[in-house]
Amino acid sequence: MHIRHLAATLILFAAASAVPAMAQVTVLDQAQDQAAASAEPPAPCGTRPISIARMAWPSAELLAEIHARILTRSFGCTAEVVPGDLAATASAMGSTGQPAVAPEMWPTRAVEVWNAGIEAQMLRQAAPTYAETQLEGWYVPDYVAAALPQPITAADLAAALPTISDGNPVRFISCPPDWACSVINRNLVAAHGLTDLVDLVEPANRFEMDTLLAEAVSRSEPIIFYYWAPNAVLSQFNFLPLDMGEYIEEAAQCLARRGCPSPAPSAFAAEPVVIAVSEWVFTEAPQVAGYLQRASLPLEEMNAMLAQLSETGSTVEGVADRFVAERGEVWEPWVGAALP
């Protein structure tokens, strides 16, 4: 009886001792779960305002205002638009991390400060600013394109031009003679065998260039012309680009020289234009960085906005508001999962 009583007592003691231990474990688990549930998720915009450089030309102004609106609306960021300049902005981003974003950075125009910021791991490219990297080329009005072989290529012009101009030279409207593109265009005309088939016109300035284009279109005159994007002119009229063929570096280098001995066809060199982002955005605000990595804009969208901006009474802010309100199919994929 004594042994059985002692064993029973030990069993009861062990059971009694286990209850508080299990209770402590349960309370601890509950406390951890509550702490995890009450913890705030990482702020999508980091802990500082997202400052966006607004460069002093229309396309960059529009992009700064557009990104500020989308980051505020879709991520809840405090987005600040600040004045910017290529070299000064790249230098500041590479040394201080501010501004956080430069939506239209042209690295080749500020090579030294851009490379210094990259080497210091203070800034990087998030994505190309525009979906297309070919920003220069030859164009024709739609009524000329309709009379040319499809697809429209610069290589076909020598055979096609006599059929659309009654054998007369077609005006080729180039750029002002003191611009580098004028040399390239002269050499390209020779490279494509067009010297006797076109009347090369080099306007004195940008205003005369645009005036000549508008006058030719109003008369439905068959013309070829050089232009670049983004630009309002390409959206204001029904202009179509010619396929310039592939880019061949050796040929392109010769085309850029006044004394090119043997001009050969080549497309214009692609111009890198990028969304520059300070490195801290990738570590502190990865959702914003992801958005910027998807935010390449089709050139035709920017051309259309620049055309809107040229309308009487238009403002950068108003055109940016209109883009966000009406062109969700373009920018919502940039936002991705952050969009409610």
Protein backbone atom coordinates (compact mmCIF):
# COMPACT_ATOMS: atom_id res chain seq x y z
CA MET A 1 0.00 0.00 0.00
CA HIS A 2 2.77 2.45 0.84
CA ILE A 3 4.57 1.86 -2.49
CA ARG A 4 1.38 2.17 -4.47
CA HIS A 5 0.58 5.41 -2.61
CA LEU A 6 4.05 6.83 -3.32
CA ALA A 7 3.80 6.02 -7.04
CA ALA A 8 0.43 7.64 -7.29
CA THR A 9 1.73 10.71 -5.53
CA LEU A 10 4.68 11.02 -7.97
CA ILE A 11 2.36 10.69 -10.97
CA LEU A 12 0.09 13.42 -9.64
CA PHE A 13 3.11 15.68 -8.94
CA ALA A 14 4.47 15.17 -12.47
CA ALA A 15 1.11 15.93 -14.01
CA ALA A 16 0.69 19.03 -11.88
CA SER A 17 4.18 20.22 -12.80
CA ALA A 18 3.54 19.75 -16.55
CA VAL A 19 0.46 21.93 -16.66
CA PRO A 20 2.21 25.26 -15.97
CA ALA A 21 4.99 24.38 -18.46
CA MET A 22 2.51 23.70 -21.24
CA ALA A 23 0.59 26.83 -20.33
CA GLN A 24 3.78 28.90 -20.55
CA VAL A 25 4.54 27.52 -24.01
CA THR A 26 1.00 28.25 -25.17
CA VAL A 27 1.09 31.82 -23.82
CA LEU A 28 4.49 32.42 -25.45
CA ASP A 29 3.24 31.16 -28.84
CA GLN A 30 0.17 33.36 -28.60
CA ALA A 31 2.26 36.40 -27.73
CA GLN A 32 4.55 35.80 -30.72
CA ASP A 33 1.59 35.38 -33.06
CA GLN A 34 0.03 38.62 -31.78
CA ALA A 35 3.32 40.48 -32.19
CA ALA A 36 3.71 39.21 -35.75
CA ALA A 37 0.12 40.15 -36.58
CA SER A 38 0.50 43.65 -35.17
CA ALA A 39 3.87 44.36 -36.87
CA GLU A 40 3.58 46.87 -39.71
CA PRO A 41 4.70 45.59 -43.14
CA PRO A 42 7.69 47.42 -44.65
CA ALA A 43 6.69 50.79 -46.08
CA PRO A 44 6.52 50.46 -49.88
CA CYS A 45 8.16 53.86 -50.30
CA GLY A 46 10.87 53.47 -47.67
CA THR A 47 11.30 56.00 -44.90
CA ARG A 48 12.02 59.11 -46.95
CA PRO A 49 10.23 61.06 -49.67
CA ILE A 50 10.69 59.92 -53.26
CA SER A 51 12.20 62.97 -54.96
CA ILE A 52 11.91 63.02 -58.76
CA ALA A 53 14.09 65.19 -61.00
CA ARG A 54 12.15 67.35 -63.43
CA MET A 55 14.63 68.23 -66.18
CA ALA A 56 14.12 71.43 -68.13
CA TRP A 57 12.68 70.02 -71.37
CA PRO A 58 9.08 68.95 -72.07
CA SER A 59 9.35 65.15 -72.20
CA ALA A 60 11.34 65.00 -68.96
CA GLU A 61 8.94 67.44 -67.29
CA LEU A 62 6.00 65.24 -68.26
CA LEU A 63 7.66 62.05 -67.03
CA ALA A 64 8.50 63.58 -63.65
CA GLU A 65 4.92 64.69 -63.11
CA ILE A 66 3.47 61.38 -64.31
CA HIS A 67 5.64 59.26 -62.02
CA ALA A 68 4.92 61.53 -59.06
CA ARG A 69 1.19 61.06 -59.59
CA ILE A 70 1.35 57.29 -60.00
CA LEU A 71 3.65 56.76 -57.00
CA THR A 72 1.32 58.86 -54.85
CA ARG A 73 -1.88 57.26 -56.11
CA SER A 74 -0.84 53.60 -56.28
CA PHE A 75 1.81 53.29 -53.58
CA GLY A 76 0.89 56.07 -51.16
CA CYS A 77 4.34 57.62 -51.50
CA THR A 78 5.25 61.17 -50.66
CA ALA A 79 6.60 62.08 -54.09
CA GLU A 80 8.36 65.41 -54.57
CA VAL A 81 9.13 66.90 -57.98
CA VAL A 82 12.40 68.85 -57.85
CA PRO A 83 14.31 70.84 -60.50
CA GLY A 84 16.95 68.83 -62.35
CA ASP A 85 19.80 69.11 -64.83
CA LEU A 86 21.63 66.21 -66.48
CA ALA A 87 25.12 66.65 -65.06
CA ALA A 88 24.08 68.20 -61.73
CA THR A 89 21.40 65.57 -61.09
CA ALA A 90 23.66 62.64 -61.96
CA SER A 91 26.35 64.10 -59.69
CA ALA A 92 23.95 64.58 -56.77
CA MET A 93 22.48 61.10 -57.14
CA GLY A 94 25.97 59.62 -57.24
CA SER A 95 27.12 61.42 -54.09
CA THR A 96 24.05 61.95 -51.86
CA GLY A 97 21.38 59.61 -53.24
CA GLN A 98 19.09 62.53 -53.97
CA PRO A 99 17.02 62.97 -56.00
CA ALA A 100 15.78 59.41 -55.83
CA VAL A 101 14.70 59.21 -59.48
CA ALA A 102 15.62 60.88 -62.77
CA PRO A 103 13.05 59.60 -65.30
CA GLU A 104 14.87 60.80 -68.43
CA MET A 105 18.61 60.52 -67.92
CA TRP A 106 20.91 60.65 -70.96
CA PRO A 107 24.11 59.02 -69.65
CA THR A 108 26.16 59.79 -72.76
CA ARG A 109 25.60 63.51 -72.16
CA ALA A 110 27.10 63.30 -68.65
CA VAL A 111 29.45 60.36 -68.98
CA GLU A 112 31.97 61.16 -66.24
CA VAL A 113 29.51 61.85 -63.42
CA TRP A 114 27.27 58.97 -64.49
CA ASN A 115 30.16 56.49 -64.47
CA ALA A 116 31.37 57.84 -61.12
CA GLY A 117 27.95 57.23 -59.56
CA ILE A 118 27.78 53.72 -60.98
CA GLU A 119 31.28 52.88 -59.72
CA ALA A 120 30.40 54.24 -56.26
CA GLN A 121 27.29 52.00 -56.27
CA MET A 122 25.12 55.03 -55.51
CA LEU A 123 22.88 54.93 -58.60
CA ARG A 124 21.89 52.60 -61.41
CA GLN A 125 19.61 52.23 -64.41
CA ALA A 126 16.17 50.86 -63.57
CA ALA A 127 14.91 50.56 -67.15
CA PRO A 128 15.08 52.33 -70.51
CA THR A 129 12.98 55.48 -70.39
CA TYR A 130 11.36 54.58 -73.70
CA ALA A 131 10.36 51.19 -75.05
CA GLU A 132 12.27 51.95 -78.26
CA THR A 133 15.95 52.89 -78.30
CA GLN A 134 16.11 54.07 -81.94
CA LEU A 135 15.39 57.76 -81.63
CA GLU A 136 16.59 59.11 -85.02
CA GLY A 137 15.64 58.17 -88.53
CA TRP A 138 14.03 58.99 -91.86
CA TYR A 139 10.29 59.46 -92.24
CA VAL A 140 7.69 59.90 -94.97
CA PRO A 141 4.10 61.16 -94.88
CA ASP A 142 1.42 58.47 -95.04
CA TYR A 143 0.48 59.39 -98.62
CA VAL A 144 4.07 58.71 -99.70
CA ALA A 145 4.18 55.48 -97.71
CA ALA A 146 1.07 54.26 -99.55
CA ALA A 147 2.96 54.47 -102.85
CA LEU A 148 6.08 52.68 -101.60
CA PRO A 149 6.78 48.95 -101.29
CA GLN A 150 5.88 47.40 -97.94
CA PRO A 151 7.59 47.20 -95.54
CA ILE A 152 9.01 50.66 -96.14
CA THR A 153 12.81 50.58 -96.19
CA ALA A 154 15.49 53.12 -97.02
CA ALA A 155 17.08 50.51 -99.27
CA ASP A 156 14.01 50.54 -101.56
CA LEU A 157 14.01 54.28 -102.16
CA ALA A 158 16.35 54.34 -105.18
CA ALA A 159 13.98 52.08 -107.13
CA ALA A 160 10.73 53.55 -105.78
CA LEU A 161 11.24 57.32 -105.88
CA PRO A 162 11.06 57.80 -109.67
CA THR A 163 7.61 56.19 -109.68
CA ILE A 164 6.12 58.67 -107.20
CA SER A 165 7.66 61.89 -108.50
CA ASP A 166 7.31 61.67 -112.29
CA GLY A 167 11.06 61.34 -112.52
CA ASN A 168 11.74 64.61 -110.69
CA PRO A 169 13.97 64.81 -107.61
CA VAL A 170 12.07 64.39 -104.34
CA ARG A 171 12.83 66.89 -101.61
CA PHE A 172 14.75 65.42 -98.68
CA ILE A 173 14.39 67.74 -95.70
CA SER A 174 17.42 67.23 -93.51
CA CYS A 175 18.47 69.12 -90.38
CA PRO A 176 20.38 72.43 -90.02
CA PRO A 177 23.90 72.32 -91.50
CA ASP A 178 25.59 72.92 -88.15
CA TRP A 179 23.95 69.83 -86.62
CA ALA A 180 25.82 66.52 -86.67
CA CYS A 181 22.83 64.80 -88.30
CA SER A 182 23.29 66.88 -91.45
CA VAL A 183 26.63 65.19 -92.15
CA ILE A 184 25.15 61.73 -91.51
CA ASN A 185 22.19 62.45 -93.78
CA ARG A 186 24.40 63.65 -96.65
CA ASN A 187 26.46 60.49 -96.43
CA LEU A 188 23.39 58.26 -96.11
CA VAL A 189 21.87 59.81 -99.23
CA ALA A 190 25.01 58.77 -101.11
CA ALA A 191 25.13 55.37 -99.43
CA HIS A 192 21.59 54.56 -100.63
CA GLY A 193 22.24 55.80 -104.18
CA LEU A 194 19.90 58.77 -103.86
CA THR A 195 22.24 61.63 -104.81
CA ASP A 196 20.51 62.27 -108.17
CA LEU A 197 17.04 61.33 -106.93
CA VAL A 198 16.59 63.80 -104.08
CA ASP A 199 16.89 67.54 -103.60
CA LEU A 200 18.69 67.81 -100.25
CA VAL A 201 17.38 70.73 -98.17
CA GLU A 202 19.13 71.82 -94.98
CA PRO A 203 16.96 74.35 -93.11
CA ALA A 204 18.62 77.13 -91.16
CA ASN A 205 17.03 76.16 -87.83
CA ARG A 206 14.42 74.00 -86.13
CA PHE A 207 11.61 76.47 -86.82
CA GLU A 208 12.32 76.48 -90.56
CA MET A 209 12.59 72.70 -90.52
CA ASP A 210 9.10 72.31 -89.03
CA THR A 211 7.68 74.98 -91.35
CA LEU A 212 8.99 73.19 -94.44
CA LEU A 213 7.42 69.94 -93.25
CA ALA A 214 4.04 71.52 -92.57
CA GLU A 215 3.99 73.30 -95.93
CA ALA A 216 4.92 70.13 -97.83
CA VAL A 217 2.19 68.12 -96.11
CA SER A 218 -0.42 70.80 -96.76
CA ARG A 219 0.39 70.46 -100.49
CA SER A 220 0.59 66.63 -100.34
CA GLU A 221 4.09 66.97 -101.74
CA PRO A 222 6.15 63.78 -101.86
CA ILE A 223 8.99 64.27 -99.40
CA ILE A 224 11.44 62.33 -97.27
CA PHE A 225 12.74 63.88 -94.07
CA TYR A 226 14.93 63.33 -91.05
CA TYR A 227 13.52 63.61 -87.54
CA TRP A 228 13.97 62.37 -84.02
CA ALA A 229 11.82 61.23 -81.11
CA PRO A 230 10.23 61.93 -78.77
CA ASN A 231 8.72 64.84 -80.63
CA ALA A 232 5.29 66.42 -81.06
CA VAL A 233 5.68 66.76 -84.82
CA LEU A 234 5.65 63.00 -85.30
CA SER A 235 2.23 62.82 -83.64
CA GLN A 236 0.71 65.95 -85.16
CA PHE A 237 0.97 64.57 -88.69
CA ASN A 238 0.62 61.10 -90.17
CA PHE A 239 4.30 60.33 -90.56
CA LEU A 240 5.77 56.84 -90.81
CA PRO A 241 9.37 55.78 -90.17
CA LEU A 242 11.48 54.10 -92.81
CA ASP A 243 13.30 50.92 -91.93
CA MET A 244 16.92 52.05 -91.95
CA GLY A 245 18.32 48.52 -91.78
CA GLU A 246 20.73 47.30 -89.16
CA TYR A 247 23.23 49.39 -87.27
CA ILE A 248 26.78 48.73 -88.47
CA GLU A 249 29.33 50.45 -86.25
CA GLU A 250 32.12 50.79 -88.81
CA ALA A 251 29.75 52.22 -91.41
CA ALA A 252 28.14 54.56 -88.85
CA GLN A 253 31.53 55.94 -87.80
CA CYS A 254 32.33 56.80 -91.41
CA LEU A 255 28.87 58.33 -91.98
CA ALA A 256 29.54 60.77 -89.15
CA ARG A 257 32.64 62.18 -90.94
CA ARG A 258 32.44 64.92 -93.55
CA GLY A 259 35.08 63.21 -95.63
CA CYS A 260 33.69 59.68 -95.48
CA PRO A 261 35.39 58.07 -98.53
CA SER A 262 32.94 55.20 -99.07
CA PRO A 263 29.56 55.77 -97.40
CA ALA A 264 27.73 52.53 -96.62
CA PRO A 265 24.18 52.13 -95.27
CA SER A 266 23.62 51.88 -91.53
CA ALA A 267 20.85 52.72 -89.11
CA PHE A 268 21.41 55.63 -86.76
CA ALA A 269 23.08 54.71 -83.50
CA ALA A 270 20.74 53.90 -80.65
CA GLU A 271 20.78 56.52 -77.87
CA PRO A 272 20.60 55.19 -74.31
CA VAL A 273 17.97 57.10 -72.33
CA VAL A 274 17.30 55.57 -68.93
CA ILE A 275 15.31 55.86 -65.72
CA ALA A 276 18.11 56.57 -63.25
CA VAL A 277 17.45 55.52 -59.65
CA SER A 278 19.47 56.06 -56.49
CA GLU A 279 20.69 52.77 -55.00
CA TRP A 280 18.85 53.26 -51.70
CA VAL A 281 15.50 52.91 -53.49
CA PHE A 282 16.31 49.29 -54.38
CA THR A 283 17.10 48.41 -50.77
CA GLU A 284 14.60 50.59 -48.86
CA ALA A 285 11.69 50.73 -51.32
CA PRO A 286 11.87 47.60 -53.49
CA GLN A 287 8.23 47.93 -54.64
CA VAL A 288 8.98 51.38 -56.02
CA ALA A 289 12.16 50.05 -57.64
CA GLY A 290 10.14 47.25 -59.24
CA TYR A 291 7.66 49.77 -60.59
CA LEU A 292 10.46 51.84 -62.14
CA GLN A 293 11.99 48.71 -63.68
CA ARG A 294 8.73 48.21 -65.61
CA ALA A 295 8.08 51.85 -66.51
CA SER A 296 9.39 52.10 -70.09
CA LEU A 297 7.05 54.33 -72.10
CA PRO A 298 6.29 53.75 -75.81
CA LEU A 299 7.60 56.66 -77.86
CA GLU A 300 4.24 57.14 -79.57
CA GLU A 301 2.69 57.86 -76.16
CA MET A 302 5.22 60.59 -75.44
CA ASN A 303 4.85 62.02 -78.97
CA ALA A 304 1.09 62.25 -78.39
CA MET A 305 1.55 64.00 -75.05
CA LEU A 306 3.99 66.49 -76.57
CA ALA A 307 1.40 67.24 -79.24
CA GLN A 308 -1.18 67.87 -76.50
CA LEU A 309 1.30 70.11 -74.74
CA SER A 310 1.64 72.26 -77.85
CA GLU A 311 -2.07 73.07 -77.78
CA THR A 312 -3.08 76.52 -76.57
CA GLY A 313 -3.54 76.66 -72.81
CA SER A 314 -1.99 73.26 -72.13
CA THR A 315 0.32 72.74 -69.16
CA VAL A 316 2.71 69.96 -68.20
CA GLU A 317 0.62 69.22 -65.11
CA GLY A 318 -2.61 69.09 -67.11
CA VAL A 319 -1.20 66.72 -69.73
CA ALA A 320 0.24 64.49 -66.97
CA ASP A 321 -3.18 64.38 -65.27
CA ARG A 322 -4.78 63.42 -68.57
CA PHE A 323 -2.30 60.61 -69.17
CA VAL A 324 -2.90 59.10 -65.73
CA ALA A 325 -6.67 59.42 -66.10
CA GLU A 326 -6.97 58.10 -69.65
CA ARG A 327 -4.01 55.82 -70.36
CA GLY A 328 -4.26 53.25 -67.59
CA GLU A 329 -3.64 50.43 -70.07
CA VAL A 330 -0.14 51.87 -70.52
CA TRP A 331 0.88 52.56 -66.92
CA GLU A 332 -1.06 50.05 -64.82
CA PRO A 333 1.26 47.18 -65.83
CA TRP A 334 4.12 49.25 -64.40
CA VAL A 335 2.42 49.21 -61.01
CA GLY A 336 1.76 45.50 -60.97
CA ALA A 337 0.52 43.95 -57.71
CA ALA A 338 0.61 47.27 -55.84
CA LEU A 339 -2.52 48.43 -57.67
CA PRO A 340 -5.68 47.88 -55.54
